[in-house]
């Protein structure tokens, strides 16, 4: 009932469904809602903490809390046992900005069943698109003649239609993919359907571990796109628009470190210049 009336209306509904079917149901399916108390939830929290990251456990607890809130609203439960259960404190994960040598190793390792990741990685690094935006991208959204991608509002987190310019690297990849296209999806399996998000995540994890890179997420390619633009001197407003952010505050976390590095480098350049002048004047 929850999946039909609530989860399917959310962009992240697929993740809620996965969490419910793979984790919450196996743990709690033999209990009535009224029989699940705080101790059972704390026990679940402890077990999951030994299997996944704390942030993941928190997301699962938050979903269970939402489930109970809906059950109360629908007259199916009297209280929410998740209330009062302490969530884990989370350390915000620092984005892994991909270096050029790491990028080279990743792309060279895209072979066999992982070959499809090469164009996807290149496109992510040169457009800043999110995983869902890449997987939902169709050829009807691609204009090679105008060198432009269209991300429909329904597929965009900001709920606003995005127009993303295609640079030379992205263009070359898209031309190659277009020549092999057998369905409207840019990234598709042999049956013409788009790749599953979880499958893509697992394949990407296998790839980066294979080449000796640690803790790299697909979303880090988006961070890398923005950070590289900032390092090249692109202004924050342009980066914001390319990422489809609603506020500059959201974009600052991508560009902040690069801006600071450029600032201190200016001091270094000035000091080196002064040293050179002094050497010329005084020998």
C-alpha atoms as a PDB file:
ATOM      1  CA  UNK A   1       0.000   0.000   0.000  1.00  0.00           C
ATOM      2  CA  UNK A   2       2.824   2.397   0.909  1.00  0.00           C
ATOM      3  CA  UNK A   3       4.659   1.657  -2.327  1.00  0.00           C
ATOM      4  CA  UNK A   4       1.535   2.254  -4.401  1.00  0.00           C
ATOM      5  CA  UNK A   5       0.310   5.415  -2.695  1.00  0.00           C
ATOM      6  CA  UNK A   6       3.540   7.084  -1.657  1.00  0.00           C
ATOM      7  CA  UNK A   7       6.820   5.664  -2.935  1.00  0.00           C
ATOM      8  CA  UNK A   8       5.843   5.587  -6.606  1.00  0.00           C
ATOM      9  CA  UNK A   9       5.241   9.345  -6.493  1.00  0.00           C
ATOM     10  CA  UNK A  10       8.833  10.048  -5.439  1.00  0.00           C
ATOM     11  CA  UNK A  11      11.895  10.228  -7.663  1.00  0.00           C
ATOM     12  CA  UNK A  12      13.638   8.000  -5.130  1.00  0.00           C
ATOM     13  CA  UNK A  13      10.714   5.568  -5.011  1.00  0.00           C
ATOM     14  CA  UNK A  14      12.815   2.854  -6.608  1.00  0.00           C
ATOM     15  CA  UNK A  15      15.260   3.108  -3.694  1.00  0.00           C
ATOM     16  CA  UNK A  16      12.463   2.917  -1.132  1.00  0.00           C
ATOM     17  CA  UNK A  17      11.065  -0.163  -2.810  1.00  0.00           C
ATOM     18  CA  UNK A  18      14.494  -1.813  -2.857  1.00  0.00           C
ATOM     19  CA  UNK A  19      15.051  -1.060   0.839  1.00  0.00           C
ATOM     20  CA  UNK A  20      11.629  -2.349   1.817  1.00  0.00           C
ATOM     21  CA  UNK A  21      11.853  -5.575  -0.179  1.00  0.00           C
ATOM     22  CA  UNK A  22      15.506  -6.437   0.560  1.00  0.00           C
ATOM     23  CA  UNK A  23      15.878  -5.299   4.173  1.00  0.00           C
ATOM     24  CA  UNK A  24      12.783  -4.124   6.055  1.00  0.00           C
ATOM     25  CA  UNK A  25      10.400  -6.877   4.965  1.00  0.00           C
ATOM     26  CA  UNK A  26      12.800  -9.785   5.640  1.00  0.00           C
ATOM     27  CA  UNK A  27      13.393  -8.395   9.127  1.00  0.00           C
ATOM     28  CA  UNK A  28       9.877  -7.387  10.175  1.00  0.00           C
ATOM     29  CA  UNK A  29       7.423  -9.268   7.953  1.00  0.00           C
ATOM     30  CA  UNK A  30       6.452 -11.737  10.695  1.00  0.00           C
ATOM     31  CA  UNK A  31       5.323  -8.987  13.087  1.00  0.00           C
ATOM     32  CA  UNK A  32       2.165  -6.908  13.299  1.00  0.00           C
ATOM     33  CA  UNK A  33       2.843  -3.152  13.244  1.00  0.00           C
ATOM     34  CA  UNK A  34       1.865  -2.941  16.912  1.00  0.00           C
ATOM     35  CA  UNK A  35       4.352  -5.669  17.825  1.00  0.00           C
ATOM     36  CA  UNK A  36       7.407  -3.823  16.505  1.00  0.00           C
ATOM     37  CA  UNK A  37       8.896  -1.867  19.411  1.00  0.00           C
ATOM     38  CA  UNK A  38      11.998   0.272  19.864  1.00  0.00           C
ATOM     39  CA  UNK A  39      14.123  -2.709  20.932  1.00  0.00           C
ATOM     40  CA  UNK A  40      13.438  -4.554  17.673  1.00  0.00           C
ATOM     41  CA  UNK A  41      14.354  -1.440  15.714  1.00  0.00           C
ATOM     42  CA  UNK A  42      17.516  -0.871  17.757  1.00  0.00           C
ATOM     43  CA  UNK A  43      18.474  -4.516  17.134  1.00  0.00           C
ATOM     44  CA  UNK A  44      17.893  -3.992  13.390  1.00  0.00           C
ATOM     45  CA  UNK A  45      20.033  -0.847  13.529  1.00  0.00           C
ATOM     46  CA  UNK A  46      22.888  -2.760  15.188  1.00  0.00           C
ATOM     47  CA  UNK A  47      22.781  -5.606  12.666  1.00  0.00           C
ATOM     48  CA  UNK A  48      22.721  -3.293   9.654  1.00  0.00           C
ATOM     49  CA  UNK A  49      25.543  -1.167  11.097  1.00  0.00           C
ATOM     50  CA  UNK A  50      27.768  -4.205  10.776  1.00  0.00           C
ATOM     51  CA  UNK A  51      26.863  -4.586   7.105  1.00  0.00           C
ATOM     52  CA  UNK A  52      26.628  -1.103   5.593  1.00  0.00           C
ATOM     53  CA  UNK A  53      27.635   2.490   6.221  1.00  0.00           C
ATOM     54  CA  UNK A  54      25.976   4.459   9.012  1.00  0.00           C
ATOM     55  CA  UNK A  55      24.425   6.847   6.505  1.00  0.00           C
ATOM     56  CA  UNK A  56      22.692   3.897   4.819  1.00  0.00           C
ATOM     57  CA  UNK A  57      21.318   2.677   8.154  1.00  0.00           C
ATOM     58  CA  UNK A  58      19.978   6.164   8.837  1.00  0.00           C
ATOM     59  CA  UNK A  59      18.201   6.232   5.469  1.00  0.00           C
ATOM     60  CA  UNK A  60      16.588   2.882   6.237  1.00  0.00           C
ATOM     61  CA  UNK A  61      15.461   4.027   9.691  1.00  0.00           C
ATOM     62  CA  UNK A  62      14.090   7.239   8.180  1.00  0.00           C
ATOM     63  CA  UNK A  63      12.091   5.204   5.672  1.00  0.00           C
ATOM     64  CA  UNK A  64      10.727   2.967   8.441  1.00  0.00           C
ATOM     65  CA  UNK A  65       9.741   6.105  10.358  1.00  0.00           C
ATOM     66  CA  UNK A  66       7.912   7.407   7.288  1.00  0.00           C
ATOM     67  CA  UNK A  67       6.160   4.062   6.897  1.00  0.00           C
ATOM     68  CA  UNK A  68       4.816   4.308  10.435  1.00  0.00           C
ATOM     69  CA  UNK A  69       3.749   7.937   9.986  1.00  0.00           C
ATOM     70  CA  UNK A  70       1.727   6.900   6.943  1.00  0.00           C
ATOM     71  CA  UNK A  71       0.282   3.911   8.801  1.00  0.00           C
ATOM     72  CA  UNK A  72      -0.867   6.217  11.615  1.00  0.00           C
ATOM     73  CA  UNK A  73      -2.411   8.621   9.109  1.00  0.00           C
ATOM     74  CA  UNK A  74      -4.242   5.723   7.465  1.00  0.00           C
ATOM     75  CA  UNK A  75      -5.505   4.384  10.803  1.00  0.00           C
ATOM     76  CA  UNK A  76      -3.342   1.271  10.674  1.00  0.00           C
ATOM     77  CA  UNK A  77      -1.090   2.069  13.659  1.00  0.00           C
ATOM     78  CA  UNK A  78      -1.336   4.067  16.889  1.00  0.00           C
ATOM     79  CA  UNK A  79       2.277   5.060  17.465  1.00  0.00           C
ATOM     80  CA  UNK A  80       5.624   5.301  15.742  1.00  0.00           C
ATOM     81  CA  UNK A  81       8.289   3.139  17.476  1.00  0.00           C
ATOM     82  CA  UNK A  82      11.090   4.725  15.431  1.00  0.00           C
ATOM     83  CA  UNK A  83      10.597   7.956  17.361  1.00  0.00           C
ATOM     84  CA  UNK A  84      13.103   7.962  20.175  1.00  0.00           C
ATOM     85  CA  UNK A  85      15.544   5.684  18.354  1.00  0.00           C
ATOM     86  CA  UNK A  86      18.787   7.610  18.023  1.00  0.00           C
ATOM     87  CA  UNK A  87      20.190   7.837  14.489  1.00  0.00           C
ATOM     88  CA  UNK A  88      23.907   7.572  13.832  1.00  0.00           C
ATOM     89  CA  UNK A  89      25.919  10.755  13.588  1.00  0.00           C
ATOM     90  CA  UNK A  90      27.154  11.102  10.044  1.00  0.00           C
ATOM     91  CA  UNK A  91      30.393  12.527   8.737  1.00  0.00           C
ATOM     92  CA  UNK A  92      29.736  14.151   5.394  1.00  0.00           C
ATOM     93  CA  UNK A  93      31.678  12.153   2.852  1.00  0.00           C
ATOM     94  CA  UNK A  94      34.391  14.170   1.153  1.00  0.00           C
ATOM     95  CA  UNK A  95      34.016  14.003  -2.585  1.00  0.00           C
ATOM     96  CA  UNK A  96      36.728  12.180  -4.492  1.00  0.00           C
ATOM     97  CA  UNK A  97      37.786  14.472  -7.322  1.00  0.00           C
ATOM     98  CA  UNK A  98      39.127  12.219 -10.051  1.00  0.00           C
ATOM     99  CA  UNK A  99      42.708  12.923 -11.116  1.00  0.00           C
ATOM    100  CA  UNK A 100      43.786  12.584 -14.740  1.00  0.00           C
ATOM    101  CA  UNK A 101      45.900   9.454 -14.045  1.00  0.00           C
ATOM    102  CA  UNK A 102      42.933   7.867 -12.239  1.00  0.00           C
ATOM    103  CA  UNK A 103      40.646   8.739 -15.122  1.00  0.00           C
ATOM    104  CA  UNK A 104      43.069   7.139 -17.570  1.00  0.00           C
ATOM    105  CA  UNK A 105      43.241   3.944 -15.500  1.00  0.00           C
ATOM    106  CA  UNK A 106      39.463   3.780 -15.227  1.00  0.00           C
ATOM    107  CA  UNK A 107      38.885   4.198 -18.957  1.00  0.00           C
ATOM    108  CA  UNK A 108      41.589   1.707 -19.908  1.00  0.00           C
ATOM    109  CA  UNK A 109      39.989  -0.901 -17.625  1.00  0.00           C
ATOM    110  CA  UNK A 110      36.581  -0.608 -19.316  1.00  0.00           C
ATOM    111  CA  UNK A 111      36.668  -3.900 -21.169  1.00  0.00           C
ATOM    112  CA  UNK A 112      34.380  -6.891 -21.644  1.00  0.00           C
ATOM    113  CA  UNK A 113      31.151  -6.598 -19.663  1.00  0.00           C
ATOM    114  CA  UNK A 114      32.344  -3.255 -18.276  1.00  0.00           C
ATOM    115  CA  UNK A 115      33.037  -1.697 -21.689  1.00  0.00           C
ATOM    116  CA  UNK A 116      29.765   0.254 -21.609  1.00  0.00           C
ATOM    117  CA  UNK A 117      31.092   2.243 -18.642  1.00  0.00           C
ATOM    118  CA  UNK A 118      33.713   4.047 -20.742  1.00  0.00           C
ATOM    119  CA  UNK A 119      31.352   6.336 -22.687  1.00  0.00           C
ATOM    120  CA  UNK A 120      29.204   6.783 -19.594  1.00  0.00           C
ATOM    121  CA  UNK A 121      32.192   7.939 -17.515  1.00  0.00           C
ATOM    122  CA  UNK A 122      33.354  10.319 -20.245  1.00  0.00           C
ATOM    123  CA  UNK A 123      29.884  11.796 -20.577  1.00  0.00           C
ATOM    124  CA  UNK A 124      29.512  12.193 -16.799  1.00  0.00           C
ATOM    125  CA  UNK A 125      32.867  13.966 -16.521  1.00  0.00           C
ATOM    126  CA  UNK A 126      32.030  16.324 -19.379  1.00  0.00           C
ATOM    127  CA  UNK A 127      28.374  17.107 -18.656  1.00  0.00           C
ATOM    128  CA  UNK A 128      28.020  16.757 -14.874  1.00  0.00           C
ATOM    129  CA  UNK A 129      24.851  14.683 -15.263  1.00  0.00           C
ATOM    130  CA  UNK A 130      23.649  12.573 -12.356  1.00  0.00           C
ATOM    131  CA  UNK A 131      23.355   8.789 -12.584  1.00  0.00           C
ATOM    132  CA  UNK A 132      19.586   8.872 -13.080  1.00  0.00           C
ATOM    133  CA  UNK A 133      19.861  11.597 -15.705  1.00  0.00           C
ATOM    134  CA  UNK A 134      22.405   9.570 -17.653  1.00  0.00           C
ATOM    135  CA  UNK A 135      20.379   6.359 -17.498  1.00  0.00           C
ATOM    136  CA  UNK A 136      17.155   8.082 -18.560  1.00  0.00           C
ATOM    137  CA  UNK A 137      18.843   9.966 -21.419  1.00  0.00           C
ATOM    138  CA  UNK A 138      17.267   9.213 -24.802  1.00  0.00           C
ATOM    139  CA  UNK A 139      18.403  10.032 -28.316  1.00  0.00           C
ATOM    140  CA  UNK A 140      15.371  12.282 -28.601  1.00  0.00           C
ATOM    141  CA  UNK A 141      17.079  14.359 -25.876  1.00  0.00           C
ATOM    142  CA  UNK A 142      20.325  14.629 -27.857  1.00  0.00           C
ATOM    143  CA  UNK A 143      20.921  17.185 -30.598  1.00  0.00           C
ATOM    144  CA  UNK A 144      24.258  16.458 -32.242  1.00  0.00           C
ATOM    145  CA  UNK A 145      23.735  19.234 -34.772  1.00  0.00           C
ATOM    146  CA  UNK A 146      23.237  21.846 -32.032  1.00  0.00           C
ATOM    147  CA  UNK A 147      25.652  20.023 -29.694  1.00  0.00           C
ATOM    148  CA  UNK A 148      23.170  20.073 -26.846  1.00  0.00           C
ATOM    149  CA  UNK A 149      21.592  17.657 -24.360  1.00  0.00           C
ATOM    150  CA  UNK A 150      18.121  18.117 -22.935  1.00  0.00           C
ATOM    151  CA  UNK A 151      17.352  16.767 -19.465  1.00  0.00           C
ATOM    152  CA  UNK A 152      13.588  16.703 -19.108  1.00  0.00           C
ATOM    153  CA  UNK A 153      12.092  18.117 -15.905  1.00  0.00           C
ATOM    154  CA  UNK A 154      10.670  14.700 -15.001  1.00  0.00           C
ATOM    155  CA  UNK A 155      14.187  13.226 -14.983  1.00  0.00           C
ATOM    156  CA  UNK A 156      15.895  16.160 -13.263  1.00  0.00           C
ATOM    157  CA  UNK A 157      16.226  16.485  -9.493  1.00  0.00           C
ATOM    158  CA  UNK A 158      15.487  20.220  -9.661  1.00  0.00           C
ATOM    159  CA  UNK A 159      12.251  19.506 -11.586  1.00  0.00           C
ATOM    160  CA  UNK A 160      13.421  22.019 -14.169  1.00  0.00           C
ATOM    161  CA  UNK A 161      14.297  21.284 -17.794  1.00  0.00           C
ATOM    162  CA  UNK A 162      18.047  21.557 -18.364  1.00  0.00           C
ATOM    163  CA  UNK A 163      19.948  22.353 -21.551  1.00  0.00           C
ATOM    164  CA  UNK A 164      23.532  21.075 -21.362  1.00  0.00           C
ATOM    165  CA  UNK A 165      26.083  21.972 -24.051  1.00  0.00           C
ATOM    166  CA  UNK A 166      28.120  19.122 -25.531  1.00  0.00           C
ATOM    167  CA  UNK A 167      31.901  19.632 -25.679  1.00  0.00           C
ATOM    168  CA  UNK A 168      34.249  17.885 -28.096  1.00  0.00           C
ATOM    169  CA  UNK A 169      34.870  14.818 -25.889  1.00  0.00           C
ATOM    170  CA  UNK A 170      31.187  14.274 -25.192  1.00  0.00           C
ATOM    171  CA  UNK A 171      30.351  14.817 -28.859  1.00  0.00           C
ATOM    172  CA  UNK A 172      32.832  12.175 -30.032  1.00  0.00           C
ATOM    173  CA  UNK A 173      31.411   9.619 -27.567  1.00  0.00           C
ATOM    174  CA  UNK A 174      27.815  10.362 -28.555  1.00  0.00           C
ATOM    175  CA  UNK A 175      28.564  10.071 -32.264  1.00  0.00           C
ATOM    176  CA  UNK A 176      30.124   6.650 -31.621  1.00  0.00           C
ATOM    177  CA  UNK A 177      27.162   5.523 -29.511  1.00  0.00           C
ATOM    178  CA  UNK A 178      24.658   6.831 -32.057  1.00  0.00           C
ATOM    179  CA  UNK A 179      26.217   4.694 -34.776  1.00  0.00           C
ATOM    180  CA  UNK A 180      25.543   1.609 -32.623  1.00  0.00           C
ATOM    181  CA  UNK A 181      22.100   2.654 -31.328  1.00  0.00           C
ATOM    182  CA  UNK A 182      19.390  -0.015 -31.341  1.00  0.00           C
ATOM    183  CA  UNK A 183      16.875   1.756 -29.080  1.00  0.00           C
ATOM    184  CA  UNK A 184      15.996   5.263 -27.963  1.00  0.00           C
ATOM    185  CA  UNK A 185      18.056   4.958 -24.777  1.00  0.00           C
ATOM    186  CA  UNK A 186      21.621   6.249 -25.071  1.00  0.00           C
ATOM    187  CA  UNK A 187      22.868   3.752 -22.478  1.00  0.00           C
ATOM    188  CA  UNK A 188      21.027   0.469 -22.912  1.00  0.00           C
ATOM    189  CA  UNK A 189      21.381  -3.249 -22.428  1.00  0.00           C
ATOM    190  CA  UNK A 190      21.263  -5.685 -25.329  1.00  0.00           C
ATOM    191  CA  UNK A 191      17.478  -5.849 -24.986  1.00  0.00           C
ATOM    192  CA  UNK A 192      17.244  -2.093 -25.555  1.00  0.00           C
ATOM    193  CA  UNK A 193      16.240  -1.262 -21.978  1.00  0.00           C
ATOM    194  CA  UNK A 194      18.255   1.116 -19.754  1.00  0.00           C
ATOM    195  CA  UNK A 195      20.680  -0.257 -17.190  1.00  0.00           C
ATOM    196  CA  UNK A 196      19.402  -0.785 -13.663  1.00  0.00           C
ATOM    197  CA  UNK A 197      20.756   1.792 -11.198  1.00  0.00           C
ATOM    198  CA  UNK A 198      21.981  -0.847  -8.787  1.00  0.00           C
ATOM    199  CA  UNK A 199      23.643  -2.840 -11.556  1.00  0.00           C
ATOM    200  CA  UNK A 200      25.443   0.284 -12.716  1.00  0.00           C
ATOM    201  CA  UNK A 201      26.581   1.059  -9.180  1.00  0.00           C
ATOM    202  CA  UNK A 202      27.905  -2.486  -8.682  1.00  0.00           C
ATOM    203  CA  UNK A 203      29.725  -2.501 -12.024  1.00  0.00           C
ATOM    204  CA  UNK A 204      31.286   0.884 -11.312  1.00  0.00           C
ATOM    205  CA  UNK A 205      32.444  -0.284  -7.889  1.00  0.00           C
ATOM    206  CA  UNK A 206      34.011  -3.355  -9.458  1.00  0.00           C
ATOM    207  CA  UNK A 207      35.791  -1.136 -11.992  1.00  0.00           C
ATOM    208  CA  UNK A 208      37.346   1.392  -9.616  1.00  0.00           C
ATOM    209  CA  UNK A 209      38.452  -1.280  -7.155  1.00  0.00           C
ATOM    210  CA  UNK A 210      40.000  -3.192 -10.039  1.00  0.00           C
ATOM    211  CA  UNK A 211      42.321  -0.265 -10.830  1.00  0.00           C
ATOM    212  CA  UNK A 212      43.192   0.444  -7.197  1.00  0.00           C
ATOM    213  CA  UNK A 213      41.010   3.490  -6.500  1.00  0.00           C
ATOM    214  CA  UNK A 214      39.281   3.694  -3.129  1.00  0.00           C
ATOM    215  CA  UNK A 215      35.870   5.144  -2.211  1.00  0.00           C
ATOM    216  CA  UNK A 216      34.817   6.464  -5.592  1.00  0.00           C
ATOM    217  CA  UNK A 217      31.119   7.038  -6.235  1.00  0.00           C
ATOM    218  CA  UNK A 218      29.429   7.701  -9.540  1.00  0.00           C
ATOM    219  CA  UNK A 219      28.337  11.022  -8.044  1.00  0.00           C
ATOM    220  CA  UNK A 220      32.008  11.915  -7.620  1.00  0.00           C
ATOM    221  CA  UNK A 221      32.216  12.245 -11.411  1.00  0.00           C
ATOM    222  CA  UNK A 222      29.729  15.103 -11.099  1.00  0.00           C
ATOM    223  CA  UNK A 223      31.873  16.654  -8.370  1.00  0.00           C
ATOM    224  CA  UNK A 224      34.916  16.227 -10.611  1.00  0.00           C
ATOM    225  CA  UNK A 225      33.128  17.986 -13.482  1.00  0.00           C
ATOM    226  CA  UNK A 226      32.319  20.999 -11.307  1.00  0.00           C
ATOM    227  CA  UNK A 227      35.705  21.121  -9.584  1.00  0.00           C
ATOM    228  CA  UNK A 228      37.563  20.953 -12.884  1.00  0.00           C
ATOM    229  CA  UNK A 229      35.482  23.826 -14.249  1.00  0.00           C
ATOM    230  CA  UNK A 230      36.219  25.877 -11.135  1.00  0.00           C
ATOM    231  CA  UNK A 231      39.935  25.121 -11.433  1.00  0.00           C
ATOM    232  CA  UNK A 232      39.809  26.418 -15.019  1.00  0.00           C
ATOM    233  CA  UNK A 233      38.407  29.716 -13.763  1.00  0.00           C
ATOM    234  CA  UNK A 234      34.740  29.198 -14.715  1.00  0.00           C
ATOM    235  CA  UNK A 235      32.510  31.438 -12.576  1.00  0.00           C
ATOM    236  CA  UNK A 236      30.279  29.926  -9.905  1.00  0.00           C
ATOM    237  CA  UNK A 237      27.022  31.067 -11.536  1.00  0.00           C
ATOM    238  CA  UNK A 238      27.836  29.230 -14.772  1.00  0.00           C
ATOM    239  CA  UNK A 239      28.748  26.080 -12.828  1.00  0.00           C
ATOM    240  CA  UNK A 240      25.481  26.395 -10.886  1.00  0.00           C
ATOM    241  CA  UNK A 241      23.469  26.577 -14.105  1.00  0.00           C
ATOM    242  CA  UNK A 242      25.295  23.614 -15.658  1.00  0.00           C
ATOM    243  CA  UNK A 243      24.652  21.495 -12.559  1.00  0.00           C
ATOM    244  CA  UNK A 244      21.009  22.540 -12.449  1.00  0.00           C
ATOM    245  CA  UNK A 245      21.261  23.779  -8.860  1.00  0.00           C
ATOM    246  CA  UNK A 246      18.574  26.112  -7.535  1.00  0.00           C
ATOM    247  CA  UNK A 247      20.984  28.051  -5.322  1.00  0.00           C
ATOM    248  CA  UNK A 248      24.671  28.941  -5.377  1.00  0.00           C
ATOM    249  CA  UNK A 249      24.981  27.572  -1.838  1.00  0.00           C
ATOM    250  CA  UNK A 250      24.594  24.064  -3.224  1.00  0.00           C
ATOM    251  CA  UNK A 251      27.250  24.715  -5.853  1.00  0.00           C
ATOM    252  CA  UNK A 252      29.790  26.144  -3.419  1.00  0.00           C
ATOM    253  CA  UNK A 253      30.600  22.734  -1.990  1.00  0.00           C
ATOM    254  CA  UNK A 254      31.830  21.696  -5.443  1.00  0.00           C
ATOM    255  CA  UNK A 255      33.902  24.795  -6.172  1.00  0.00           C
ATOM    256  CA  UNK A 256      35.007  25.863  -2.692  1.00  0.00           C
ATOM    257  CA  UNK A 257      38.295  23.985  -2.486  1.00  0.00           C
ATOM    258  CA  UNK A 258      39.402  25.053  -5.969  1.00  0.00           C
ATOM    259  CA  UNK A 259      38.708  28.705  -5.219  1.00  0.00           C
ATOM    260  CA  UNK A 260      40.782  28.525  -2.043  1.00  0.00           C
ATOM    261  CA  UNK A 261      43.632  26.829  -3.854  1.00  0.00           C
ATOM    262  CA  UNK A 262      43.660  29.506  -6.551  1.00  0.00           C
ATOM    263  CA  UNK A 263      43.687  32.194  -3.860  1.00  0.00           C
ATOM    264  CA  UNK A 264      46.757  30.889  -2.032  1.00  0.00           C
ATOM    265  CA  UNK A 265      48.520  30.188  -5.325  1.00  0.00           C
ATOM    266  CA  UNK A 266      48.279  33.912  -6.068  1.00  0.00           C
ATOM    267  CA  UNK A 267      50.371  34.583  -2.958  1.00  0.00           C
ATOM    268  CA  UNK A 268      52.894  32.004  -4.041  1.00  0.00           C
ATOM    269  CA  UNK A 269      53.193  33.595  -7.482  1.00  0.00           C
ATOM    270  CA  UNK A 270      53.676  37.028  -5.924  1.00  0.00           C
ATOM    271  CA  UNK A 271      56.381  35.736  -3.572  1.00  0.00           C
ATOM    272  CA  UNK A 272      58.213  33.987  -6.405  1.00  0.00           C
ATOM    273  CA  UNK A 273      58.056  37.153  -8.490  1.00  0.00           C
ATOM    274  CA  UNK A 274      59.478  39.262  -5.637  1.00  0.00           C
ATOM    275  CA  UNK A 275      62.259  36.726  -5.115  1.00  0.00           C
ATOM    276  CA  UNK A 276      63.182  36.874  -8.795  1.00  0.00           C
ATOM    277  CA  UNK A 277      63.240  40.681  -8.824  1.00  0.00           C
ATOM    278  CA  UNK A 278      65.410  40.785  -5.686  1.00  0.00           C
ATOM    279  CA  UNK A 279      67.857  38.338  -7.256  1.00  0.00           C
ATOM    280  CA  UNK A 280      68.167  40.498 -10.381  1.00  0.00           C
ATOM    281  CA  UNK A 281      68.690  43.717  -8.386  1.00  0.00           C
ATOM    282  CA  UNK A 282      71.138  42.401  -5.812  1.00  0.00           C
ATOM    283  CA  UNK A 283      72.738  39.537  -7.671  1.00  0.00           C
END
